[in-house]
N, C-alpha and C. Protein backbone atom coordinates (compact mmCIF):
# COMPACT_ATOMS: atom_id res chain seq x y z
N MET A 1 0.86 -1.38 -0.38
CA MET A 1 -0.22 -0.04 -0.01
C MET A 1 0.97 1.11 0.23
N LYS A 2 1.80 1.32 0.72
CA LYS A 2 2.67 2.43 0.92
C LYS A 2 3.38 2.86 -0.54
N ILE A 3 3.89 1.57 -1.04
CA ILE A 3 4.64 1.99 -2.39
C ILE A 3 3.50 2.62 -3.55
N ILE A 4 2.32 2.00 -3.38
CA ILE A 4 1.25 2.74 -4.19
C ILE A 4 1.17 4.11 -3.90
N ASN A 5 0.99 4.53 -3.06
CA ASN A 5 1.08 5.60 -2.64
C ASN A 5 2.23 6.72 -2.79
N ILE A 6 3.30 6.34 -2.77
CA ILE A 6 4.47 7.19 -3.11
C ILE A 6 4.63 6.73 -4.59
N LEU A 7 4.11 6.09 -5.55
CA LEU A 7 4.08 6.10 -7.12
C LEU A 7 2.89 7.00 -7.45
N LYS A 8 1.92 7.06 -6.53
CA LYS A 8 1.03 8.24 -7.13
C LYS A 8 1.39 9.43 -6.74
N HIS A 9 2.19 10.00 -5.72
CA HIS A 9 2.74 11.07 -5.06
C HIS A 9 3.51 11.47 -6.24
N ARG A 10 4.66 10.73 -6.50
CA ARG A 10 5.81 10.67 -7.61
C ARG A 10 5.07 11.25 -9.07
N LEU A 11 3.95 10.48 -9.31
CA LEU A 11 3.26 10.68 -10.45
C LEU A 11 2.85 12.27 -10.57
N ILE A 12 2.14 12.52 -9.54
CA ILE A 12 1.58 13.90 -9.27
C ILE A 12 2.61 14.84 -9.53
N LEU A 13 3.67 14.87 -8.79
CA LEU A 13 4.73 15.89 -8.98
C LEU A 13 5.58 15.75 -10.44
N LEU A 14 5.49 14.41 -10.90
CA LEU A 14 6.09 14.37 -12.39
C LEU A 14 5.32 15.38 -13.24
N LYS A 15 3.94 15.18 -13.02
CA LYS A 15 2.97 15.74 -14.39
C LYS A 15 3.32 17.43 -14.09
N ARG A 16 3.50 17.74 -12.71
CA ARG A 16 3.75 19.20 -12.24
C ARG A 16 5.01 19.45 -13.05
N ILE A 17 5.89 19.08 -12.61
CA ILE A 17 7.34 19.27 -13.27
C ILE A 17 7.27 19.28 -14.92
N GLN A 18 6.61 18.46 -15.37
CA GLN A 18 6.56 18.26 -17.13
C GLN A 18 5.89 19.74 -17.38
N ASN A 19 4.86 20.37 -16.62
CA ASN A 19 4.27 21.22 -16.99
C ASN A 19 5.27 22.67 -17.25
N LEU A 20 6.03 22.64 -16.41
CA LEU A 20 7.07 23.60 -16.22
C LEU A 20 8.07 23.53 -17.12
N THR A 21 8.71 22.27 -17.60
CA THR A 21 9.74 22.27 -18.45
C THR A 21 9.65 21.36 -19.37
N LYS A 22 10.76 21.51 -20.46
CA LYS A 22 10.40 20.54 -21.58
C LYS A 22 11.91 19.70 -21.43
N ILE A 23 12.76 19.85 -20.58
CA ILE A 23 13.78 18.85 -20.33
C ILE A 23 13.43 17.68 -19.88
N PRO A 24 14.16 16.58 -19.98
CA PRO A 24 13.84 15.17 -19.64
C PRO A 24 13.74 15.21 -18.41
N ILE A 25 12.92 14.44 -17.51
CA ILE A 25 12.80 14.36 -16.11
C ILE A 25 13.07 12.85 -15.77
N CYS A 26 14.17 12.79 -14.60
CA CYS A 26 14.52 11.45 -14.57
C CYS A 26 14.29 11.31 -12.68
N SER A 27 13.82 10.16 -12.42
CA SER A 27 13.36 9.94 -11.13
C SER A 27 14.29 8.83 -10.61
N GLY A 28 14.67 8.89 -9.16
CA GLY A 28 15.36 7.83 -8.35
C GLY A 28 15.03 7.99 -6.82
N PHE A 29 16.09 7.49 -6.26
CA PHE A 29 15.86 7.27 -4.74
C PHE A 29 14.84 5.89 -4.64
N GLY A 30 15.44 5.01 -3.76
CA GLY A 30 15.10 3.83 -3.43
C GLY A 30 14.64 2.55 -4.37
N ILE A 31 15.18 3.02 -5.33
CA ILE A 31 15.19 1.90 -6.51
C ILE A 31 16.35 0.86 -6.30
N LYS A 32 15.71 -0.39 -5.58
CA LYS A 32 16.61 -1.60 -5.24
C LYS A 32 16.55 -2.58 -6.09
N SER A 33 15.67 -2.73 -7.10
CA SER A 33 15.45 -3.88 -7.98
C SER A 33 15.20 -3.65 -9.59
N PRO A 34 15.25 -4.39 -10.43
CA PRO A 34 14.53 -3.89 -11.57
C PRO A 34 13.06 -3.98 -11.64
N GLU A 35 12.40 -4.39 -10.60
CA GLU A 35 10.65 -4.17 -10.67
C GLU A 35 10.47 -2.83 -10.16
N ASP A 36 11.41 -2.42 -9.01
CA ASP A 36 11.41 -0.91 -8.57
C ASP A 36 11.53 -0.09 -9.87
N ALA A 37 12.34 -0.34 -10.61
CA ALA A 37 12.82 0.50 -11.86
C ALA A 37 11.63 0.45 -12.58
N VAL A 38 11.14 -0.58 -13.03
CA VAL A 38 10.08 -0.44 -13.86
C VAL A 38 9.07 0.06 -13.47
N LYS A 39 8.59 0.16 -12.22
CA LYS A 39 7.30 0.85 -11.66
C LYS A 39 7.78 2.28 -11.65
N ILE A 40 8.68 2.90 -11.46
CA ILE A 40 9.03 4.15 -11.54
C ILE A 40 9.11 4.51 -13.12
N ALA A 41 9.36 4.07 -13.99
CA ALA A 41 9.47 3.98 -15.37
C ALA A 41 8.02 4.51 -15.86
N LYS A 42 6.95 3.52 -15.53
CA LYS A 42 5.95 3.71 -15.61
C LYS A 42 5.04 4.92 -15.42
N THR A 43 5.65 5.89 -14.43
CA THR A 43 5.16 7.01 -13.80
C THR A 43 4.90 7.98 -14.98
N GLY A 44 6.04 7.57 -15.76
CA GLY A 44 6.13 8.84 -17.22
C GLY A 44 7.63 9.62 -17.21
N CYS A 45 8.25 9.19 -16.35
CA CYS A 45 9.66 10.05 -16.60
C CYS A 45 10.49 9.60 -17.73
N GLN A 46 11.27 10.15 -18.14
CA GLN A 46 12.17 9.90 -19.08
C GLN A 46 13.44 8.79 -18.76
N GLY A 47 13.74 9.16 -17.59
CA GLY A 47 14.98 8.24 -17.00
C GLY A 47 15.02 7.68 -15.43
N VAL A 48 15.52 6.61 -15.39
CA VAL A 48 15.52 5.99 -13.99
C VAL A 48 16.98 6.02 -13.44
N ILE A 49 17.19 6.27 -12.43
CA ILE A 49 18.54 6.65 -11.97
C ILE A 49 18.42 5.77 -10.53
N VAL A 50 19.60 4.79 -10.97
CA VAL A 50 19.97 3.62 -9.66
C VAL A 50 21.27 3.96 -9.57
N GLY A 51 21.54 4.17 -8.17
CA GLY A 51 22.94 4.36 -7.76
C GLY A 51 23.19 3.22 -6.42
N SER A 52 22.25 3.61 -5.54
CA SER A 52 22.60 2.73 -4.08
C SER A 52 22.44 1.44 -4.24
N ALA A 53 21.70 0.84 -5.17
CA ALA A 53 21.85 -0.78 -5.48
C ALA A 53 22.95 -1.02 -6.03
N PHE A 54 23.46 -0.25 -6.98
CA PHE A 54 24.94 -0.85 -7.30
C PHE A 54 26.10 -0.76 -6.36
N VAL A 55 25.82 0.35 -5.83
CA VAL A 55 26.91 0.55 -4.86
C VAL A 55 26.80 -0.78 -3.89
N LYS A 56 25.81 -0.92 -3.35
CA LYS A 56 25.33 -1.96 -2.36
C LYS A 56 26.05 -3.55 -2.83
N TYR A 57 25.59 -3.55 -4.25
CA TYR A 57 26.17 -4.66 -4.72
C TYR A 57 27.64 -4.90 -4.78
N ILE A 58 28.37 -3.89 -4.83
CA ILE A 58 29.83 -3.70 -5.01
C ILE A 58 30.32 -3.87 -3.73
N GLN A 59 29.91 -3.32 -2.36
CA GLN A 59 30.32 -3.56 -1.16
C GLN A 59 30.21 -4.98 -0.86
N ASP A 60 29.11 -5.67 -1.14
CA ASP A 60 28.55 -7.05 -0.78
C ASP A 60 29.31 -7.92 -1.65
N ASN A 61 30.16 -7.38 -2.40
CA ASN A 61 30.84 -8.51 -3.29
C ASN A 61 32.34 -8.03 -3.82
N LEU A 62 32.65 -7.35 -2.61
CA LEU A 62 34.22 -6.95 -2.91
C LEU A 62 35.15 -7.85 -3.25
N THR A 63 35.04 -9.21 -2.61
CA THR A 63 35.94 -10.14 -2.77
C THR A 63 35.67 -11.06 -3.76
N ASP A 64 34.78 -10.71 -4.76
CA ASP A 64 34.39 -11.54 -5.90
C ASP A 64 35.49 -11.17 -7.19
N LYS A 65 36.34 -11.98 -7.50
CA LYS A 65 37.36 -12.02 -8.61
C LYS A 65 36.74 -11.50 -9.75
N ASP A 66 35.31 -11.84 -9.65
CA ASP A 66 34.58 -11.52 -11.23
C ASP A 66 33.54 -10.50 -10.92
N LEU A 67 34.04 -9.50 -10.21
CA LEU A 67 33.20 -8.34 -9.76
C LEU A 67 32.84 -7.49 -10.88
N PRO A 68 33.56 -6.98 -11.95
CA PRO A 68 33.18 -6.40 -12.89
C PRO A 68 32.38 -7.00 -13.80
N LEU A 69 32.36 -8.08 -14.22
CA LEU A 69 31.77 -8.87 -14.88
C LEU A 69 30.21 -9.00 -14.34
N ASN A 70 30.39 -9.56 -13.11
CA ASN A 70 28.93 -9.73 -12.38
C ASN A 70 28.12 -8.54 -12.02
N LEU A 71 28.99 -7.42 -11.96
CA LEU A 71 28.28 -6.29 -11.59
C LEU A 71 27.65 -5.92 -12.91
N GLY A 72 28.57 -6.14 -14.09
CA GLY A 72 27.59 -5.69 -15.24
C GLY A 72 26.34 -6.71 -15.69
N LYS A 73 26.32 -7.79 -15.08
CA LYS A 73 25.11 -8.56 -15.38
C LYS A 73 23.96 -8.17 -14.55
N TYR A 74 24.63 -7.62 -13.14
CA TYR A 74 23.53 -7.14 -12.41
C TYR A 74 22.78 -5.78 -13.12
N ILE A 75 23.78 -5.09 -13.74
CA ILE A 75 23.18 -3.60 -14.22
C ILE A 75 22.58 -4.13 -15.08
N LYS A 76 22.58 -5.22 -16.04
CA LYS A 76 22.15 -5.43 -17.34
C LYS A 76 20.51 -6.15 -16.98
N SER A 77 20.38 -6.84 -15.73
CA SER A 77 19.27 -7.07 -15.45
C SER A 77 18.16 -5.83 -15.08
N PHE A 78 18.64 -4.82 -14.83
CA PHE A 78 17.74 -3.33 -14.67
C PHE A 78 17.42 -2.83 -16.09
N THR A 79 18.34 -2.94 -16.95
CA THR A 79 18.37 -2.55 -18.46
C THR A 79 17.45 -3.58 -19.08
N LYS A 80 17.61 -4.82 -18.74
CA LYS A 80 16.64 -5.71 -19.74
C LYS A 80 15.26 -5.53 -19.24
N GLU A 81 14.74 -5.22 -18.04
CA GLU A 81 13.39 -4.92 -17.51
C GLU A 81 12.97 -3.49 -18.16
N LEU A 82 14.08 -2.78 -18.45
CA LEU A 82 13.47 -1.35 -18.80
C LEU A 82 13.20 -1.13 -20.13
N ASN A 83 13.74 -2.10 -20.95
CA ASN A 83 13.53 -2.27 -22.60
C ASN A 83 12.62 -2.99 -23.20
């Protein structure tokens, strides 16, 4: 229920901002999964910002010798859902 209210609030804010500018609008904060990214993308913004989830992935996998490759796969899981 809380997520739905947040998404509705973001949608209202997004529409207000879009009425004020022609520049692309991006949304972020709290996006922890590809599914979260899709929900935010469906609000009508032109971009989704994911940062903390990637930093956390790196922190949780510092000893992984294949970290760059696996991080790339993790990032791709987000882009796959958004395309």
